[in-house]
Amino acid sequence: PSVTINSPVAGSSYVIGETLAASGSASDPEDGPLAGASLQWSVNLHHNDHVHPDWYRFSGSSGSFLADDHGNNTWLELCLTATDSQGLSGKSCRAFYPE
């Protein structure tokens, strides 16, 4: 599948405590547009030299998540994974840094 993150746009930043909205889409040559549970979002919190995977998870073409305070030296990685009817997947990720 081909995966596109529509928002937040690349290069966006965030403020701690802000709720961020995410939207995206995916299509597959055999299945066409993918929706619902075929689209899985994950937000990974990078902190110092380690990662908190799946800090937030949600499904569908859109959703939101809170930019929690987790101390200094943190940034967020938003990923959208699309899985087709054959079990094949595609993924797109974006990095976001605090202001």
C-alpha atoms as a PDB file:
ATOM      1  CA  PRO A   1       0.000   0.000   0.000  1.00  0.00           C
ATOM      2  CA  SER A   2       0.949   3.612  -0.603  1.00  0.00           C
ATOM      3  CA  VAL A   3       0.589   5.706   2.573  1.00  0.00           C
ATOM      4  CA  THR A   4       0.224   9.486   2.934  1.00  0.00           C
ATOM      5  CA  ILE A   5       0.181  11.549   6.126  1.00  0.00           C
ATOM      6  CA  ASN A   6      -1.816  14.698   5.335  1.00  0.00           C
ATOM      7  CA  SER A   7      -1.565  16.415   8.705  1.00  0.00           C
ATOM      8  CA  PRO A   8       0.228  17.578  10.662  1.00  0.00           C
ATOM      9  CA  VAL A   9       2.388  18.759   7.767  1.00  0.00           C
ATOM     10  CA  ALA A  10       6.085  17.990   7.638  1.00  0.00           C
ATOM     11  CA  GLY A  11       8.128  20.416   9.705  1.00  0.00           C
ATOM     12  CA  SER A  12       5.324  21.158  12.162  1.00  0.00           C
ATOM     13  CA  SER A  13       6.200  21.734  15.790  1.00  0.00           C
ATOM     14  CA  TYR A  14       4.110  21.397  18.935  1.00  0.00           C
ATOM     15  CA  VAL A  15       3.608  22.909  22.361  1.00  0.00           C
ATOM     16  CA  ILE A  16       3.593  20.633  25.408  1.00  0.00           C
ATOM     17  CA  GLY A  17      -0.023  20.014  26.435  1.00  0.00           C
ATOM     18  CA  GLU A  18      -1.350  20.647  22.918  1.00  0.00           C
ATOM     19  CA  THR A  19      -3.727  18.166  21.281  1.00  0.00           C
ATOM     20  CA  LEU A  20      -2.539  17.385  17.764  1.00  0.00           C
ATOM     21  CA  ALA A  21      -4.862  16.214  15.017  1.00  0.00           C
ATOM     22  CA  ALA A  22      -3.633  13.674  12.488  1.00  0.00           C
ATOM     23  CA  SER A  23      -5.105  12.661   9.161  1.00  0.00           C
ATOM     24  CA  GLY A  24      -3.925  10.421   6.382  1.00  0.00           C
ATOM     25  CA  SER A  25      -4.872   8.015   3.652  1.00  0.00           C
ATOM     26  CA  ALA A  26      -3.665   4.913   1.880  1.00  0.00           C
ATOM     27  CA  SER A  27      -4.385   3.060  -1.303  1.00  0.00           C
ATOM     28  CA  ASP A  28      -3.505  -0.323  -2.667  1.00  0.00           C
ATOM     29  CA  PRO A  29      -3.294  -1.377  -6.338  1.00  0.00           C
ATOM     30  CA  GLU A  30      -5.614  -4.363  -5.757  1.00  0.00           C
ATOM     31  CA  ASP A  31      -7.850  -3.091  -2.940  1.00  0.00           C
ATOM     32  CA  GLY A  32      -8.117   0.599  -3.849  1.00  0.00           C
ATOM     33  CA  PRO A  33      -8.532   3.100  -0.981  1.00  0.00           C
ATOM     34  CA  LEU A  34      -7.954   1.616   2.475  1.00  0.00           C
ATOM     35  CA  ALA A  35      -9.919   2.766   5.526  1.00  0.00           C
ATOM     36  CA  GLY A  36     -10.957   1.868   9.073  1.00  0.00           C
ATOM     37  CA  ALA A  37      -8.882  -0.748  10.870  1.00  0.00           C
ATOM     38  CA  SER A  38      -6.634  -1.065   7.794  1.00  0.00           C
ATOM     39  CA  LEU A  39      -5.063   2.224   8.919  1.00  0.00           C
ATOM     40  CA  GLN A  40      -3.145   2.081  12.199  1.00  0.00           C
ATOM     41  CA  TRP A  41      -1.481   5.107  13.769  1.00  0.00           C
ATOM     42  CA  SER A  42       1.259   5.080  16.381  1.00  0.00           C
ATOM     43  CA  VAL A  43       3.002   7.918  18.179  1.00  0.00           C
ATOM     44  CA  ASN A  44       6.482   7.134  19.439  1.00  0.00           C
ATOM     45  CA  LEU A  45       7.969   9.354  22.139  1.00  0.00           C
ATOM     46  CA  HIS A  46      11.731   9.786  21.751  1.00  0.00           C
ATOM     47  CA  HIS A  47      13.357  10.741  25.042  1.00  0.00           C
ATOM     48  CA  ASN A  48      17.106  11.207  25.478  1.00  0.00           C
ATOM     49  CA  ASP A  49      18.654   8.014  24.065  1.00  0.00           C
ATOM     50  CA  HIS A  50      15.576   5.743  24.197  1.00  0.00           C
ATOM     51  CA  VAL A  51      12.116   5.442  22.654  1.00  0.00           C
ATOM     52  CA  HIS A  52       8.714   4.867  24.232  1.00  0.00           C
ATOM     53  CA  PRO A  53       7.023   2.982  21.360  1.00  0.00           C
ATOM     54  CA  ASP A  54       3.293   3.267  20.790  1.00  0.00           C
ATOM     55  CA  TRP A  55       2.927   6.180  23.241  1.00  0.00           C
ATOM     56  CA  TYR A  56      -0.479   6.598  21.587  1.00  0.00           C
ATOM     57  CA  ARG A  57      -2.290   4.315  19.143  1.00  0.00           C
ATOM     58  CA  PHE A  58      -5.480   4.826  17.126  1.00  0.00           C
ATOM     59  CA  SER A  59      -7.007   3.612  13.879  1.00  0.00           C
ATOM     60  CA  GLY A  60      -8.810   5.087  10.915  1.00  0.00           C
ATOM     61  CA  SER A  61      -8.113   7.981   8.583  1.00  0.00           C
ATOM     62  CA  SER A  62      -7.905  10.544  11.393  1.00  0.00           C
ATOM     63  CA  GLY A  63      -7.501  10.956  15.129  1.00  0.00           C
ATOM     64  CA  SER A  64      -5.747  13.037  17.742  1.00  0.00           C
ATOM     65  CA  PHE A  65      -3.191  12.703  20.495  1.00  0.00           C
ATOM     66  CA  LEU A  66      -1.844  14.776  23.368  1.00  0.00           C
ATOM     67  CA  ALA A  67       1.706  16.121  23.325  1.00  0.00           C
ATOM     68  CA  ASP A  68       2.476  15.105  26.911  1.00  0.00           C
ATOM     69  CA  ASP A  69       5.223  16.606  29.026  1.00  0.00           C
ATOM     70  CA  HIS A  70       7.933  13.982  29.432  1.00  0.00           C
ATOM     71  CA  GLY A  71      10.845  16.177  30.413  1.00  0.00           C
ATOM     72  CA  ASN A  72      13.650  17.654  28.345  1.00  0.00           C
ATOM     73  CA  ASN A  73      15.184  16.188  25.191  1.00  0.00           C
ATOM     74  CA  THR A  74      11.967  14.764  23.772  1.00  0.00           C
ATOM     75  CA  TRP A  75      10.380  14.668  20.340  1.00  0.00           C
ATOM     76  CA  LEU A  76       7.474  12.803  18.745  1.00  0.00           C
ATOM     77  CA  GLU A  77       7.340  10.476  15.763  1.00  0.00           C
ATOM     78  CA  LEU A  78       3.922   9.954  14.155  1.00  0.00           C
ATOM     79  CA  CYS A  79       3.574   6.853  11.959  1.00  0.00           C
ATOM     80  CA  LEU A  80       0.724   5.577   9.794  1.00  0.00           C
ATOM     81  CA  THR A  81       0.745   1.941   8.722  1.00  0.00           C
ATOM     82  CA  ALA A  82      -1.701   0.618   6.132  1.00  0.00           C
ATOM     83  CA  THR A  83      -2.370  -3.094   5.665  1.00  0.00           C
ATOM     84  CA  ASP A  84      -4.135  -4.518   2.605  1.00  0.00           C
ATOM     85  CA  SER A  85      -6.358  -7.598   2.317  1.00  0.00           C
ATOM     86  CA  GLN A  86      -3.319  -9.778   1.561  1.00  0.00           C
ATOM     87  CA  GLY A  87      -1.547  -8.707   4.756  1.00  0.00           C
ATOM     88  CA  LEU A  88       1.011  -6.516   2.963  1.00  0.00           C
ATOM     89  CA  SER A  89       1.724  -3.180   4.593  1.00  0.00           C
ATOM     90  CA  GLY A  90       3.172   0.231   3.864  1.00  0.00           C
ATOM     91  CA  LYS A  91       4.271   2.846   6.383  1.00  0.00           C
ATOM     92  CA  SER A  92       4.967   6.566   6.549  1.00  0.00           C
ATOM     93  CA  CYS A  93       6.394   8.477   9.533  1.00  0.00           C
ATOM     94  CA  ARG A  94       6.986  12.115  10.479  1.00  0.00           C
ATOM     95  CA  ALA A  95       9.073  13.680  13.228  1.00  0.00           C
ATOM     96  CA  PHE A  96       7.797  16.628  15.302  1.00  0.00           C
ATOM     97  CA  TYR A  97       9.802  18.723  17.712  1.00  0.00           C
ATOM     98  CA  PRO A  98       8.623  20.915  20.609  1.00  0.00           C
ATOM     99  CA  GLU A  99       8.732  24.685  20.280  1.00  0.00           C
END
